[in-house]
């Protein structure tokens, strides 16, 4: 037995099942923060903004589809 429980795969699966919306939201937020910063080159800001927006929208769609049935 380790500090995460008997079966590490099940424990991590449950952890990711519960926390994946938060992790996806944080990843999208981090990309959007990079996109709004003036220091990176314009191409990096555009790519980070597009990726952050896409991740955020995809995460919201998945969450609302799960909640609304």
C-alpha atoms as a PDB file:
ATOM      1  CA  UNK A   1       0.000   0.000   0.000  1.00  0.00           C
ATOM      2  CA  UNK A   2       1.316   3.431  -0.886  1.00  0.00           C
ATOM      3  CA  UNK A   3       0.210   6.852   0.299  1.00  0.00           C
ATOM      4  CA  UNK A   4      -2.365   7.078  -2.526  1.00  0.00           C
ATOM      5  CA  UNK A   5      -4.167   3.865  -1.594  1.00  0.00           C
ATOM      6  CA  UNK A   6      -4.245   0.234  -2.649  1.00  0.00           C
ATOM      7  CA  UNK A   7      -4.621   0.586  -6.407  1.00  0.00           C
ATOM      8  CA  UNK A   8      -2.739   3.562  -7.814  1.00  0.00           C
ATOM      9  CA  UNK A   9      -4.473   3.382 -11.213  1.00  0.00           C
ATOM     10  CA  UNK A  10      -7.952   3.574  -9.684  1.00  0.00           C
ATOM     11  CA  UNK A  11      -6.952   6.365  -7.309  1.00  0.00           C
ATOM     12  CA  UNK A  12      -5.415   8.488 -10.066  1.00  0.00           C
ATOM     13  CA  UNK A  13      -8.392   7.775 -12.319  1.00  0.00           C
ATOM     14  CA  UNK A  14     -10.797   9.045  -9.684  1.00  0.00           C
ATOM     15  CA  UNK A  15      -8.572  12.052  -9.011  1.00  0.00           C
ATOM     16  CA  UNK A  16      -8.485  13.000 -12.690  1.00  0.00           C
ATOM     17  CA  UNK A  17     -12.215  12.343 -13.061  1.00  0.00           C
ATOM     18  CA  UNK A  18     -12.954  14.829 -10.305  1.00  0.00           C
ATOM     19  CA  UNK A  19     -10.327  17.453 -11.110  1.00  0.00           C
ATOM     20  CA  UNK A  20     -10.091  17.411 -14.938  1.00  0.00           C
ATOM     21  CA  UNK A  21     -12.389  20.434 -15.438  1.00  0.00           C
ATOM     22  CA  UNK A  22     -10.212  22.471 -13.092  1.00  0.00           C
ATOM     23  CA  UNK A  23      -6.989  21.329 -14.743  1.00  0.00           C
ATOM     24  CA  UNK A  24      -8.325  22.065 -18.231  1.00  0.00           C
ATOM     25  CA  UNK A  25      -9.536  25.478 -17.089  1.00  0.00           C
ATOM     26  CA  UNK A  26      -6.164  26.308 -15.570  1.00  0.00           C
ATOM     27  CA  UNK A  27      -4.360  25.270 -18.751  1.00  0.00           C
ATOM     28  CA  UNK A  28      -6.674  27.449 -20.838  1.00  0.00           C
ATOM     29  CA  UNK A  29      -6.253  30.354 -18.430  1.00  0.00           C
ATOM     30  CA  UNK A  30      -2.462  30.046 -18.544  1.00  0.00           C
ATOM     31  CA  UNK A  31      -2.490  30.138 -22.340  1.00  0.00           C
ATOM     32  CA  UNK A  32      -4.814  33.145 -22.349  1.00  0.00           C
ATOM     33  CA  UNK A  33      -2.543  34.953 -19.875  1.00  0.00           C
ATOM     34  CA  UNK A  34       0.405  34.395 -22.209  1.00  0.00           C
ATOM     35  CA  UNK A  35      -1.734  35.638 -25.104  1.00  0.00           C
ATOM     36  CA  UNK A  36      -2.586  38.897 -23.336  1.00  0.00           C
ATOM     37  CA  UNK A  37       0.985  39.619 -22.238  1.00  0.00           C
ATOM     38  CA  UNK A  38       2.942  42.091 -24.391  1.00  0.00           C
ATOM     39  CA  UNK A  39       6.353  40.414 -24.082  1.00  0.00           C
ATOM     40  CA  UNK A  40       6.003  37.323 -26.326  1.00  0.00           C
ATOM     41  CA  UNK A  41       6.120  37.755 -30.098  1.00  0.00           C
ATOM     42  CA  UNK A  42       2.837  38.377 -31.863  1.00  0.00           C
ATOM     43  CA  UNK A  43       2.742  34.905 -33.432  1.00  0.00           C
ATOM     44  CA  UNK A  44       3.124  33.252 -30.016  1.00  0.00           C
ATOM     45  CA  UNK A  45       0.356  35.420 -28.575  1.00  0.00           C
ATOM     46  CA  UNK A  46      -1.984  34.533 -31.431  1.00  0.00           C
ATOM     47  CA  UNK A  47      -1.264  30.801 -31.144  1.00  0.00           C
ATOM     48  CA  UNK A  48      -1.651  30.825 -27.354  1.00  0.00           C
ATOM     49  CA  UNK A  49      -4.873  32.788 -27.603  1.00  0.00           C
ATOM     50  CA  UNK A  50      -6.325  30.422 -30.178  1.00  0.00           C
ATOM     51  CA  UNK A  51      -5.249  27.329 -28.242  1.00  0.00           C
ATOM     52  CA  UNK A  52      -6.472  28.733 -24.921  1.00  0.00           C
ATOM     53  CA  UNK A  53      -9.810  29.731 -26.390  1.00  0.00           C
ATOM     54  CA  UNK A  54     -10.258  26.355 -28.064  1.00  0.00           C
ATOM     55  CA  UNK A  55      -9.386  24.449 -24.885  1.00  0.00           C
ATOM     56  CA  UNK A  56     -11.702  26.629 -22.819  1.00  0.00           C
ATOM     57  CA  UNK A  57     -14.611  26.230 -25.232  1.00  0.00           C
ATOM     58  CA  UNK A  58     -14.082  22.475 -25.570  1.00  0.00           C
ATOM     59  CA  UNK A  59     -13.964  22.080 -21.802  1.00  0.00           C
ATOM     60  CA  UNK A  60     -17.128  24.118 -21.349  1.00  0.00           C
ATOM     61  CA  UNK A  61     -18.959  22.125 -24.011  1.00  0.00           C
ATOM     62  CA  UNK A  62     -17.985  18.826 -22.387  1.00  0.00           C
ATOM     63  CA  UNK A  63     -18.962  20.014 -18.907  1.00  0.00           C
ATOM     64  CA  UNK A  64     -22.318  21.440 -19.985  1.00  0.00           C
ATOM     65  CA  UNK A  65     -23.134  18.352 -22.076  1.00  0.00           C
ATOM     66  CA  UNK A  66     -22.477  16.223 -19.016  1.00  0.00           C
ATOM     67  CA  UNK A  67     -24.528  18.470 -16.734  1.00  0.00           C
ATOM     68  CA  UNK A  68     -27.484  19.011 -19.049  1.00  0.00           C
ATOM     69  CA  UNK A  69     -27.660  15.448 -20.295  1.00  0.00           C
END
